[in-house]
């Protein structure tokens, strides 16, 4: 079983000094997101997360993960 940061979260995310979750970098490859969160957005793995979010009109990685869970 995967370790989690908090109830309902998938994986462990780092936090900034104020304790809030750090935003995922926009230059993260989609393949990395696929591996970490077990989703398949249906695009090339070398596409950057920021480009994908912008194209799909999503604000964050969280929106992507929850959007895909509802469709699958």
C-alpha atoms as a PDB file:
ATOM      1  CA  UNK A   1       0.000   0.000   0.000  1.00  0.00           C
ATOM      2  CA  UNK A   2       1.220   3.511  -0.853  1.00  0.00           C
ATOM      3  CA  UNK A   3       2.125   5.842   2.032  1.00  0.00           C
ATOM      4  CA  UNK A   4      -0.072   8.915   2.249  1.00  0.00           C
ATOM      5  CA  UNK A   5       0.375  12.433   3.558  1.00  0.00           C
ATOM      6  CA  UNK A   6      -3.149  12.865   4.937  1.00  0.00           C
ATOM      7  CA  UNK A   7      -6.480  11.006   4.842  1.00  0.00           C
ATOM      8  CA  UNK A   8      -7.896  10.926   1.323  1.00  0.00           C
ATOM      9  CA  UNK A   9      -4.601  11.941  -0.335  1.00  0.00           C
ATOM     10  CA  UNK A  10      -2.667   9.800  -2.757  1.00  0.00           C
ATOM     11  CA  UNK A  11       1.078   9.869  -2.257  1.00  0.00           C
ATOM     12  CA  UNK A  12       3.246  12.162  -0.205  1.00  0.00           C
ATOM     13  CA  UNK A  13       3.509  15.814  -1.237  1.00  0.00           C
ATOM     14  CA  UNK A  14       5.941  18.314   0.158  1.00  0.00           C
ATOM     15  CA  UNK A  15       4.697  21.420   1.889  1.00  0.00           C
ATOM     16  CA  UNK A  16       5.847  25.022   1.880  1.00  0.00           C
ATOM     17  CA  UNK A  17       6.926  26.846   5.059  1.00  0.00           C
ATOM     18  CA  UNK A  18       3.339  27.829   5.862  1.00  0.00           C
ATOM     19  CA  UNK A  19       2.237  24.174   5.876  1.00  0.00           C
ATOM     20  CA  UNK A  20       0.235  24.321   2.640  1.00  0.00           C
ATOM     21  CA  UNK A  21       0.880  21.776  -0.076  1.00  0.00           C
ATOM     22  CA  UNK A  22       3.509  22.901  -2.561  1.00  0.00           C
ATOM     23  CA  UNK A  23       2.205  23.254  -6.120  1.00  0.00           C
ATOM     24  CA  UNK A  24       3.430  20.655  -8.583  1.00  0.00           C
ATOM     25  CA  UNK A  25       5.911  22.160 -11.035  1.00  0.00           C
ATOM     26  CA  UNK A  26       4.460  23.022 -14.443  1.00  0.00           C
ATOM     27  CA  UNK A  27       7.409  21.417 -16.224  1.00  0.00           C
ATOM     28  CA  UNK A  28       6.659  17.984 -14.722  1.00  0.00           C
ATOM     29  CA  UNK A  29       6.118  15.415 -17.471  1.00  0.00           C
ATOM     30  CA  UNK A  30       2.689  13.827 -17.716  1.00  0.00           C
ATOM     31  CA  UNK A  31       4.364  10.382 -17.557  1.00  0.00           C
ATOM     32  CA  UNK A  32       5.511  11.220 -14.017  1.00  0.00           C
ATOM     33  CA  UNK A  33       1.979  12.227 -13.038  1.00  0.00           C
ATOM     34  CA  UNK A  34       0.624   9.016 -14.578  1.00  0.00           C
ATOM     35  CA  UNK A  35       3.041   6.919 -12.527  1.00  0.00           C
ATOM     36  CA  UNK A  36       2.462   8.780  -9.262  1.00  0.00           C
ATOM     37  CA  UNK A  37      -1.329   9.041  -9.409  1.00  0.00           C
ATOM     38  CA  UNK A  38      -2.352   6.074 -11.561  1.00  0.00           C
ATOM     39  CA  UNK A  39      -4.215   8.141 -14.157  1.00  0.00           C
ATOM     40  CA  UNK A  40      -4.081   8.171 -17.948  1.00  0.00           C
ATOM     41  CA  UNK A  41      -4.920  11.569 -19.462  1.00  0.00           C
ATOM     42  CA  UNK A  42      -4.509  10.142 -22.961  1.00  0.00           C
ATOM     43  CA  UNK A  43      -1.628  12.393 -24.070  1.00  0.00           C
ATOM     44  CA  UNK A  44       2.082  11.853 -24.724  1.00  0.00           C
ATOM     45  CA  UNK A  45       4.145  11.251 -21.605  1.00  0.00           C
ATOM     46  CA  UNK A  46       6.649  13.984 -22.465  1.00  0.00           C
ATOM     47  CA  UNK A  47       3.985  16.721 -22.430  1.00  0.00           C
ATOM     48  CA  UNK A  48       4.411  19.197 -19.560  1.00  0.00           C
ATOM     49  CA  UNK A  49       1.792  19.294 -16.841  1.00  0.00           C
ATOM     50  CA  UNK A  50       1.375  23.077 -17.162  1.00  0.00           C
ATOM     51  CA  UNK A  51       0.623  22.837 -20.880  1.00  0.00           C
ATOM     52  CA  UNK A  52      -1.899  20.066 -20.314  1.00  0.00           C
ATOM     53  CA  UNK A  53      -3.686  21.923 -17.511  1.00  0.00           C
ATOM     54  CA  UNK A  54      -3.894  25.070 -19.619  1.00  0.00           C
ATOM     55  CA  UNK A  55      -5.191  23.182 -22.659  1.00  0.00           C
ATOM     56  CA  UNK A  56      -7.869  21.417 -20.610  1.00  0.00           C
ATOM     57  CA  UNK A  57      -8.853  24.507 -18.611  1.00  0.00           C
ATOM     58  CA  UNK A  58      -7.846  22.961 -15.284  1.00  0.00           C
ATOM     59  CA  UNK A  59      -6.315  24.986 -12.451  1.00  0.00           C
ATOM     60  CA  UNK A  60      -4.210  22.374 -10.670  1.00  0.00           C
ATOM     61  CA  UNK A  61      -3.013  18.798 -10.482  1.00  0.00           C
ATOM     62  CA  UNK A  62      -5.775  18.188  -7.951  1.00  0.00           C
ATOM     63  CA  UNK A  63      -8.371  19.182 -10.545  1.00  0.00           C
ATOM     64  CA  UNK A  64      -6.804  16.777 -13.030  1.00  0.00           C
ATOM     65  CA  UNK A  65      -6.744  13.843 -10.610  1.00  0.00           C
ATOM     66  CA  UNK A  66     -10.320  14.342  -9.448  1.00  0.00           C
ATOM     67  CA  UNK A  67     -11.595  15.051 -12.978  1.00  0.00           C
ATOM     68  CA  UNK A  68     -10.128  11.766 -14.234  1.00  0.00           C
ATOM     69  CA  UNK A  69     -11.509   9.763 -11.310  1.00  0.00           C
ATOM     70  CA  UNK A  70     -15.045  10.859 -12.179  1.00  0.00           C
ATOM     71  CA  UNK A  71     -14.673   9.918 -15.874  1.00  0.00           C
ATOM     72  CA  UNK A  72     -13.085   6.486 -15.296  1.00  0.00           C
END
